[in-house]
Amino acid sequence: MKRPAVVLSIVLTIGQLASVVRPSVSADKPLSRISFGSCAKQNQPQPIWDAIVETDPQLFLMIGDNIYGDTEDMALLWKKYQMLGAQPGFQKLRKHCPVLATWDDHDYGANDAGVEYPKKRESQQLFLDFFGVPQNSPLRTREGVQSSHTFGPAGKRVQIILLDTRYFRSPLTRGYVPSERNEGFRGRYKATADKSTTMLGEAQWKWLEAELQEPAEVRIIASSIQVLPDEHGSEKWGNFPHERTRLFHLIRDTKANGVVLISGDRHLAEIMEVDSARSGNPYPIYEVTSSSLNAPSGNMTKAGTRFANEINSYRIGLTYFDTNFGMITIDWSQSDPLIRMRVQDEVGDVVLQKTVPLSLLQPPN
């Protein structure tokens, strides 16, 4: 039996879960404005929340490094969550719209960590506490923080799938060597040839397969780390190429329509596309990376701009290195709805954008 669309509300709390009126998304109103972001250092100012609220999102997705915990001390980890919760702009956001989340390495508990992190079960419960997940939720007893949520009426449904790329992920392989010197390649990890390694783990793969068969017109799949890039040596799905191929083939085999990928982690923003010839999926797959909410990267020029010469064969246009957030809008008023993928800066100006018709993201009949 197919699940009905749901109305979901999330409240972020400090200490015990608060009994307050929670913002929600109407089950009858199409979801058309989804904001997202990653990499927020809790001990630094976070002025970007004002610009995010000004864009009037119906939903905000926190897709990893929501805090920089980096500890096995759960009391300290919780204290750092409290620092995020105390940010005035973040409080303003959670009063404006529901917030959904997954984690990346720093809020999981350790830099670049995967299955080997010893406090993952304890960390999971703190994550669920902070994001207001009820004590009787299945997420409390399931391994990993992956979740799926569908909004809107039939014909205009948006499915949000938040993957967990930490809890089950196999150890990374060191030894990255750039193919060319002075080409901006950065990082320390290389692709593994060991096909017994995993990104999601078998239980999450089975869960994802079932979710992709649920009815929806648009599906936003959030991965805390980048999916498409090959060239850089940082964390990415390309370090487990057999798992990335599995993801593409799963989208194809389930005939999942309307898929758009979002990611964070890199302290840069870019929009990417992989075509059918490379992915094996019958329609192009787009990915929007947005990072960081308050910790920009790159080299600062004398003119005050940030840059890095990093090659990405899937990139559309430029890379943006300063503070940013992502926005996906869906224009349901068109006979062929338009999906706009945007990256916006700290004051809300659009710095990167790609618009595609929904009809482009369809498997063959």
Foldseek 3Di string as FASTA:
>chain_A
DFDQADKDWWAFDQDFDDDDDFAIADQADFQFKEWEAEADELVDAQLLLVLVVVVQHQEYEYQECLYQAQALDVVSLSVRLVSNVPHVSSVVVRRRHGYHYFYDARLQHRPPAAQPDPCNLVSQVSVCRRGHPDPPDPSNVDQGNWDKHWGHDPPRIEIETRAHQGNQFDDFAFDDDAPDPPQQAEATTAADPDLVTERRDPVVVVVVLVVLLHDHLAYEYEHAAAEAFQGHHHDYCNSHVVHSLVVLVSCQVSQRFRYEYEYEDPLKWFKFWDACVVNVHPFIYIYIYHDDSQDFDADADPVGAGDTNHDGPGTDDDMHGAHWMWMWGWQPVDPFIKIKTFIAHSNGHTDDIDIDTSVRGGHDD
